[in-house]
Amino acid sequence: MQIETLSREELREICGAVRHEKQCEALRKMGIPYLPRPDGSPVVDRAHVRKLLGGKPANDEGMTIKWGGTKHG
């Protein structure tokens, strides 16, 4: 099973923060699980964010979730 993670840009967008400590704090407040990397940056499974936001996985019609103008899906 392959896990898709949010990019650093997506984390900045969803957390509204650049610093790793602030990103982790924002993720905790939103109830989004994450794992810390050795450098302190969070690793977030895209599926957790989709579930929290009520999104569904991409279908044959090419549904996408946009983060700051970047298409993923």
PDB file of N, CA and C in Angstrom:
ATOM      1  N   MET A   1       0.845  -1.180   0.000  1.00  0.00           N
ATOM      2  CA  MET A   1       0.000   0.000   0.000  1.00  0.00           C
ATOM      3  C   MET A   1       0.888   1.239   0.000  1.00  0.00           C
ATOM      4  N   GLN A   2       0.649   2.110  -0.938  1.00  0.00           N
ATOM      5  CA  GLN A   2       1.418   3.349  -1.030  1.00  0.00           C
ATOM      6  C   GLN A   2       0.651   4.467  -0.336  1.00  0.00           C
ATOM      7  N   ILE A   3       1.334   5.250   0.468  1.00  0.00           N
ATOM      8  CA  ILE A   3       0.722   6.365   1.175  1.00  0.00           C
ATOM      9  C   ILE A   3       1.145   7.656   0.494  1.00  0.00           C
ATOM     10  N   GLU A   4       0.151   8.479   0.161  1.00  0.00           N
ATOM     11  CA  GLU A   4       0.432   9.793  -0.417  1.00  0.00           C
ATOM     12  C   GLU A   4       0.493  10.805   0.715  1.00  0.00           C
ATOM     13  N   THR A   5       1.542  11.600   0.727  1.00  0.00           N
ATOM     14  CA  THR A   5       1.682  12.606   1.774  1.00  0.00           C
ATOM     15  C   THR A   5       1.553  14.007   1.182  1.00  0.00           C
ATOM     16  N   LEU A   6       1.188  14.947   2.045  1.00  0.00           N
ATOM     17  CA  LEU A   6       1.106  16.341   1.616  1.00  0.00           C
ATOM     18  C   LEU A   6       2.502  16.883   1.349  1.00  0.00           C
ATOM     19  N   SER A   7       2.607  17.744   0.352  1.00  0.00           N
ATOM     20  CA  SER A   7       3.890  18.380   0.059  1.00  0.00           C
ATOM     21  C   SER A   7       4.159  19.470   1.095  1.00  0.00           C
ATOM     22  N   ARG A   8       5.375  19.959   1.119  1.00  0.00           N
ATOM     23  CA  ARG A   8       5.726  21.055   2.037  1.00  0.00           C
ATOM     24  C   ARG A   8       4.876  22.299   1.739  1.00  0.00           C
ATOM     25  N   GLU A   9       4.617  22.545   0.455  1.00  0.00           N
ATOM     26  CA  GLU A   9       3.795  23.694   0.072  1.00  0.00           C
ATOM     27  C   GLU A   9       2.367  23.528   0.578  1.00  0.00           C
ATOM     28  N   GLU A  10       1.828  22.332   0.445  1.00  0.00           N
ATOM     29  CA  GLU A  10       0.473  22.062   0.923  1.00  0.00           C
ATOM     30  C   GLU A  10       0.378  22.221   2.436  1.00  0.00           C
ATOM     31  N   LEU A  11       1.406  21.762   3.141  1.00  0.00           N
ATOM     32  CA  LEU A  11       1.417  21.930   4.597  1.00  0.00           C
ATOM     33  C   LEU A  11       1.420  23.401   4.977  1.00  0.00           C
ATOM     34  N   ARG A  12       2.213  24.202   4.278  1.00  0.00           N
ATOM     35  CA  ARG A  12       2.222  25.648   4.555  1.00  0.00           C
ATOM     36  C   ARG A  12       0.842  26.246   4.313  1.00  0.00           C
ATOM     37  N   GLU A  13       0.199  25.825   3.240  1.00  0.00           N
ATOM     38  CA  GLU A  13      -1.125  26.350   2.893  1.00  0.00           C
ATOM     39  C   GLU A  13      -2.181  25.948   3.923  1.00  0.00           C
ATOM     40  N   ILE A  14      -2.247  24.685   4.265  1.00  0.00           N
ATOM     41  CA  ILE A  14      -3.292  24.220   5.174  1.00  0.00           C
ATOM     42  C   ILE A  14      -3.057  24.675   6.612  1.00  0.00           C
ATOM     43  N   CYS A  15      -1.792  24.799   7.006  1.00  0.00           N
ATOM     44  CA  CYS A  15      -1.466  25.199   8.381  1.00  0.00           C
ATOM     45  C   CYS A  15      -1.359  26.704   8.550  1.00  0.00           C
ATOM     46  N   GLY A  16      -1.115  27.409   7.463  1.00  0.00           N
ATOM     47  CA  GLY A  16      -0.929  28.856   7.552  1.00  0.00           C
ATOM     48  C   GLY A  16       0.350  29.232   8.265  1.00  0.00           C
ATOM     49  N   ALA A  17       1.343  28.342   8.184  1.00  0.00           N
ATOM     50  CA  ALA A  17       2.609  28.581   8.873  1.00  0.00           C
ATOM     51  C   ALA A  17       3.759  27.987   8.074  1.00  0.00           C
ATOM     52  N   VAL A  18       4.936  28.588   8.242  1.00  0.00           N
ATOM     53  CA  VAL A  18       6.141  28.103   7.584  1.00  0.00           C
ATOM     54  C   VAL A  18       6.973  27.261   8.547  1.00  0.00           C
ATOM     55  N   ARG A  19       7.059  27.696   9.806  1.00  0.00           N
ATOM     56  CA  ARG A  19       7.877  26.990  10.801  1.00  0.00           C
ATOM     57  C   ARG A  19       7.245  25.650  11.168  1.00  0.00           C
ATOM     58  N   HIS A  20       8.096  24.647  11.268  1.00  0.00           N
ATOM     59  CA  HIS A  20       7.635  23.287  11.554  1.00  0.00           C
ATOM     60  C   HIS A  20       6.858  23.207  12.864  1.00  0.00           C
ATOM     61  N   GLU A  21       7.330  23.905  13.885  1.00  0.00           N
ATOM     62  CA  GLU A  21       6.656  23.850  15.185  1.00  0.00           C
ATOM     63  C   GLU A  21       5.226  24.370  15.079  1.00  0.00           C
ATOM     64  N   LYS A  22       5.042  25.449  14.330  1.00  0.00           N
ATOM     65  CA  LYS A  22       3.715  26.038  14.146  1.00  0.00           C
ATOM     66  C   LYS A  22       2.830  25.139  13.284  1.00  0.00           C
ATOM     67  N   GLN A  23       3.421  24.472  12.299  1.00  0.00           N
ATOM     68  CA  GLN A  23       2.654  23.536  11.473  1.00  0.00           C
ATOM     69  C   GLN A  23       2.142  22.387  12.339  1.00  0.00           C
ATOM     70  N   CYS A  24       3.011  21.838  13.181  1.00  0.00           N
ATOM     71  CA  CYS A  24       2.612  20.736  14.066  1.00  0.00           C
ATOM     72  C   CYS A  24       1.513  21.187  15.024  1.00  0.00           C
ATOM     73  N   GLU A  25       1.641  22.388  15.550  1.00  0.00           N
ATOM     74  CA  GLU A  25       0.626  22.936  16.450  1.00  0.00           C
ATOM     75  C   GLU A  25      -0.716  23.068  15.727  1.00  0.00           C
ATOM     76  N   ALA A  26      -0.697  23.589  14.504  1.00  0.00           N
ATOM     77  CA  ALA A  26      -1.929  23.748  13.727  1.00  0.00           C
ATOM     78  C   ALA A  26      -2.556  22.395  13.415  1.00  0.00           C
ATOM     79  N   LEU A  27      -1.732  21.425  13.054  1.00  0.00           N
ATOM     80  CA  LEU A  27      -2.254  20.089  12.754  1.00  0.00           C
ATOM     81  C   LEU A  27      -2.917  19.473  13.983  1.00  0.00           C
ATOM     82  N   ARG A  28      -2.294  19.630  15.149  1.00  0.00           N
ATOM     83  CA  ARG A  28      -2.888  19.110  16.391  1.00  0.00           C
ATOM     84  C   ARG A  28      -4.238  19.766  16.651  1.00  0.00           C
ATOM     85  N   LYS A  29      -4.321  21.081  16.486  1.00  0.00           N
ATOM     86  CA  LYS A  29      -5.565  21.806  16.729  1.00  0.00           C
ATOM     87  C   LYS A  29      -6.670  21.384  15.762  1.00  0.00           C
ATOM     88  N   MET A  30      -6.289  21.023  14.530  1.00  0.00           N
ATOM     89  CA  MET A  30      -7.273  20.582  13.533  1.00  0.00           C
ATOM     90  C   MET A  30      -7.598  19.100  13.654  1.00  0.00           C
ATOM     91  N   GLY A  31      -6.872  18.397  14.516  1.00  0.00           N
ATOM     92  CA  GLY A  31      -7.110  16.964  14.689  1.00  0.00           C
ATOM     93  C   GLY A  31      -6.575  16.118  13.554  1.00  0.00           C
ATOM     94  N   ILE A  32      -5.552  16.619  12.870  1.00  0.00           N
ATOM     95  CA  ILE A  32      -4.952  15.885  11.761  1.00  0.00           C
ATOM     96  C   ILE A  32      -3.708  15.155  12.268  1.00  0.00           C
ATOM     97  N   PRO A  33      -3.709  13.826  12.208  1.00  0.00           N
ATOM     98  CA  PRO A  33      -2.535  13.079  12.665  1.00  0.00           C
ATOM     99  C   PRO A  33      -1.326  13.311  11.759  1.00  0.00           C
ATOM    100  N   TYR A  34      -0.150  13.295  12.359  1.00  0.00           N
ATOM    101  CA  TYR A  34       1.086  13.483  11.603  1.00  0.00           C
ATOM    102  C   TYR A  34       2.214  12.756  12.323  1.00  0.00           C
ATOM    103  N   LEU A  35       3.296  12.561  11.609  1.00  0.00           N
ATOM    104  CA  LEU A  35       4.527  12.021  12.183  1.00  0.00           C
ATOM    105  C   LEU A  35       5.617  13.055  11.974  1.00  0.00           C
ATOM    106  N   PRO A  36       6.447  13.281  12.983  1.00  0.00           N
ATOM    107  CA  PRO A  36       7.539  14.236  12.805  1.00  0.00           C
ATOM    108  C   PRO A  36       8.739  13.590  12.094  1.00  0.00           C
ATOM    109  N   ARG A  37       9.308  14.312  11.158  1.00  0.00           N
ATOM    110  CA  ARG A  37      10.551  13.874  10.521  1.00  0.00           C
ATOM    111  C   ARG A  37      11.704  14.230  11.461  1.00  0.00           C
ATOM    112  N   PRO A  38      12.896  13.695  11.206  1.00  0.00           N
ATOM    113  CA  PRO A  38      14.047  14.048  12.039  1.00  0.00           C
ATOM    114  C   PRO A  38      14.331  15.547  12.105  1.00  0.00           C
ATOM    115  N   ASP A  39      13.976  16.295  11.033  1.00  0.00           N
ATOM    116  CA  ASP A  39      14.209  17.742  11.039  1.00  0.00           C
ATOM    117  C   ASP A  39      13.078  18.515  11.721  1.00  0.00           C
ATOM    118  N   GLY A  40      12.048  17.800  12.217  1.00  0.00           N
ATOM    119  CA  GLY A  40      10.937  18.441  12.906  1.00  0.00           C
ATOM    120  C   GLY A  40       9.744  18.753  12.022  1.00  0.00           C
ATOM    121  N   SER A  41       9.898  18.603  10.705  1.00  0.00           N
ATOM    122  CA  SER A  41       8.771  18.872   9.811  1.00  0.00           C
ATOM    123  C   SER A  41       7.764  17.724   9.895  1.00  0.00           C
ATOM    124  N   PRO A  42       6.458  18.037   9.772  1.00  0.00           N
ATOM    125  CA  PRO A  42       5.440  16.996   9.879  1.00  0.00           C
ATOM    126  C   PRO A  42       5.224  16.253   8.560  1.00  0.00           C
ATOM    127  N   VAL A  43       4.907  14.970   8.673  1.00  0.00           N
ATOM    128  CA  VAL A  43       4.508  14.144   7.540  1.00  0.00           C
ATOM    129  C   VAL A  43       3.031  13.843   7.737  1.00  0.00           C
ATOM    130  N   VAL A  44       2.214  14.203   6.734  1.00  0.00           N
ATOM    131  CA  VAL A  44       0.769  14.047   6.840  1.00  0.00           C
ATOM    132  C   VAL A  44       0.253  13.195   5.692  1.00  0.00           C
ATOM    133  N   ASP A  45      -0.520  12.181   6.038  1.00  0.00           N
ATOM    134  CA  ASP A  45      -1.159  11.315   5.046  1.00  0.00           C
ATOM    135  C   ASP A  45      -2.309  12.093   4.400  1.00  0.00           C
ATOM    136  N   ARG A  46      -2.279  12.187   3.091  1.00  0.00           N
ATOM    137  CA  ARG A  46      -3.303  12.927   2.349  1.00  0.00           C
ATOM    138  C   ARG A  46      -4.709  12.405   2.647  1.00  0.00           C
ATOM    139  N   ALA A  47      -4.859  11.103   2.869  1.00  0.00           N
ATOM    140  CA  ALA A  47      -6.172  10.512   3.136  1.00  0.00           C
ATOM    141  C   ALA A  47      -6.790  11.074   4.407  1.00  0.00           C
ATOM    142  N   HIS A  48      -5.976  11.371   5.425  1.00  0.00           N
ATOM    143  CA  HIS A  48      -6.505  11.946   6.661  1.00  0.00           C
ATOM    144  C   HIS A  48      -7.108  13.323   6.402  1.00  0.00           C
ATOM    145  N   VAL A  49      -6.449  14.106   5.578  1.00  0.00           N
ATOM    146  CA  VAL A  49      -6.943  15.449   5.275  1.00  0.00           C
ATOM    147  C   VAL A  49      -8.219  15.362   4.446  1.00  0.00           C
ATOM    148  N   ARG A  50      -8.244  14.473   3.464  1.00  0.00           N
ATOM    149  CA  ARG A  50      -9.457  14.294   2.653  1.00  0.00           C
ATOM    150  C   ARG A  50     -10.639  13.901   3.536  1.00  0.00           C
ATOM    151  N   LYS A  51     -10.400  12.965   4.435  1.00  0.00           N
ATOM    152  CA  LYS A  51     -11.474  12.501   5.325  1.00  0.00           C
ATOM    153  C   LYS A  51     -11.965  13.651   6.209  1.00  0.00           C
ATOM    154  N   LEU A  52     -11.052  14.397   6.781  1.00  0.00           N
ATOM    155  CA  LEU A  52     -11.412  15.507   7.655  1.00  0.00           C
ATOM    156  C   LEU A  52     -12.214  16.571   6.910  1.00  0.00           C
ATOM    157  N   LEU A  53     -11.838  16.851   5.672  1.00  0.00           N
ATOM    158  CA  LEU A  53     -12.502  17.885   4.893  1.00  0.00           C
ATOM    159  C   LEU A  53     -13.720  17.364   4.140  1.00  0.00           C
ATOM    160  N   GLY A  54     -14.011  16.072   4.302  1.00  0.00           N
ATOM    161  CA  GLY A  54     -15.182  15.505   3.647  1.00  0.00           C
ATOM    162  C   GLY A  54     -14.983  15.201   2.184  1.00  0.00           C
ATOM    163  N   GLY A  55     -13.739  15.205   1.735  1.00  0.00           N
ATOM    164  CA  GLY A  55     -13.446  14.906   0.335  1.00  0.00           C
ATOM    165  C   GLY A  55     -13.486  13.419   0.075  1.00  0.00           C
ATOM    166  N   LYS A  56     -13.498  13.075  -1.177  1.00  0.00           N
ATOM    167  CA  LYS A  56     -13.497  11.681  -1.591  1.00  0.00           C
ATOM    168  C   LYS A  56     -12.301  11.460  -2.502  1.00  0.00           C
ATOM    169  N   PRO A  57     -11.833  10.230  -2.576  1.00  0.00           N
ATOM    170  CA  PRO A  57     -10.713   9.948  -3.489  1.00  0.00           C
ATOM    171  C   PRO A  57     -11.086  10.278  -4.927  1.00  0.00           C
ATOM    172  N   ALA A  58     -10.072  10.537  -5.732  1.00  0.00           N
ATOM    173  CA  ALA A  58     -10.300  10.848  -7.140  1.00  0.00           C
ATOM    174  C   ALA A  58     -11.062   9.711  -7.798  1.00  0.00           C
ATOM    175  N   ASN A  59     -11.983  10.063  -8.698  1.00  0.00           N
ATOM    176  CA  ASN A  59     -12.744   9.054  -9.426  1.00  0.00           C
ATOM    177  C   ASN A  59     -12.378   9.114 -10.902  1.00  0.00           C
ATOM    178  N   ASP A  60     -13.112   8.383 -11.706  1.00  0.00           N
ATOM    179  CA  ASP A  60     -12.813   8.338 -13.134  1.00  0.00           C
ATOM    180  C   ASP A  60     -13.000   9.690 -13.806  1.00  0.00           C
ATOM    181  N   GLU A  61     -13.772  10.574 -13.210  1.00  0.00           N
ATOM    182  CA  GLU A  61     -13.996  11.881 -13.809  1.00  0.00           C
ATOM    183  C   GLU A  61     -12.879  12.858 -13.466  1.00  0.00           C
ATOM    184  N   GLY A  62     -11.880  12.405 -12.695  1.00  0.00           N
ATOM    185  CA  GLY A  62     -10.718  13.230 -12.421  1.00  0.00           C
ATOM    186  C   GLY A  62     -10.927  14.281 -11.349  1.00  0.00           C
ATOM    187  N   MET A  63     -11.725  13.966 -10.331  1.00  0.00           N
ATOM    188  CA  MET A  63     -11.908  14.914  -9.240  1.00  0.00           C
ATOM    189  C   MET A  63     -10.550  15.229  -8.626  1.00  0.00           C
ATOM    190  N   THR A  64     -10.299  16.481  -8.342  1.00  0.00           N
ATOM    191  CA  THR A  64      -9.039  16.872  -7.737  1.00  0.00           C
ATOM    192  C   THR A  64      -9.284  17.777  -6.550  1.00  0.00           C
ATOM    193  N   ILE A  65      -8.313  17.813  -5.675  1.00  0.00           N
ATOM    194  CA  ILE A  65      -8.309  18.763  -4.571  1.00  0.00           C
ATOM    195  C   ILE A  65      -7.213  19.760  -4.887  1.00  0.00           C
ATOM    196  N   LYS A  66      -7.535  21.048  -4.800  1.00  0.00           N
ATOM    197  CA  LYS A  66      -6.550  22.077  -5.122  1.00  0.00           C
ATOM    198  C   LYS A  66      -6.046  22.714  -3.837  1.00  0.00           C
ATOM    199  N   TRP A  67      -4.765  22.809  -3.722  1.00  0.00           N
ATOM    200  CA  TRP A  67      -4.106  23.463  -2.587  1.00  0.00           C
ATOM    201  C   TRP A  67      -3.288  24.604  -3.162  1.00  0.00           C
ATOM    202  N   GLY A  68      -3.692  25.805  -2.931  1.00  0.00           N
ATOM    203  CA  GLY A  68      -2.905  26.956  -3.373  1.00  0.00           C
ATOM    204  C   GLY A  68      -2.604  26.960  -4.846  1.00  0.00           C
ATOM    205  N   GLY A  69      -3.546  26.503  -5.674  1.00  0.00           N
ATOM    206  CA  GLY A  69      -3.360  26.547  -7.113  1.00  0.00           C
ATOM    207  C   GLY A  69      -2.664  25.331  -7.683  1.00  0.00           C
ATOM    208  N   THR A  70      -2.263  24.395  -6.834  1.00  0.00           N
ATOM    209  CA  THR A  70      -1.589  23.192  -7.300  1.00  0.00           C
ATOM    210  C   THR A  70      -2.608  22.069  -7.346  1.00  0.00           C
ATOM    211  N   LYS A  71      -2.720  21.374  -8.474  1.00  0.00           N
ATOM    212  CA  LYS A  71      -3.684  20.298  -8.600  1.00  0.00           C
ATOM    213  C   LYS A  71      -3.075  18.983  -8.152  1.00  0.00           C
ATOM    214  N   HIS A  72      -3.848  18.224  -7.366  1.00  0.00           N
ATOM    215  CA  HIS A  72      -3.444  16.898  -6.925  1.00  0.00           C
ATOM    216  C   HIS A  72      -4.661  16.004  -7.066  1.00  0.00           C
ATOM    217  N   GLY A  73      -4.447  14.781  -7.455  1.00  0.00           N
ATOM    218  CA  GLY A  73      -5.601  13.894  -7.488  1.00  0.00           C
ATOM    219  C   GLY A  73      -5.517  12.826  -8.497  1.00  0.00           C
TER     220      GLY A  73
END
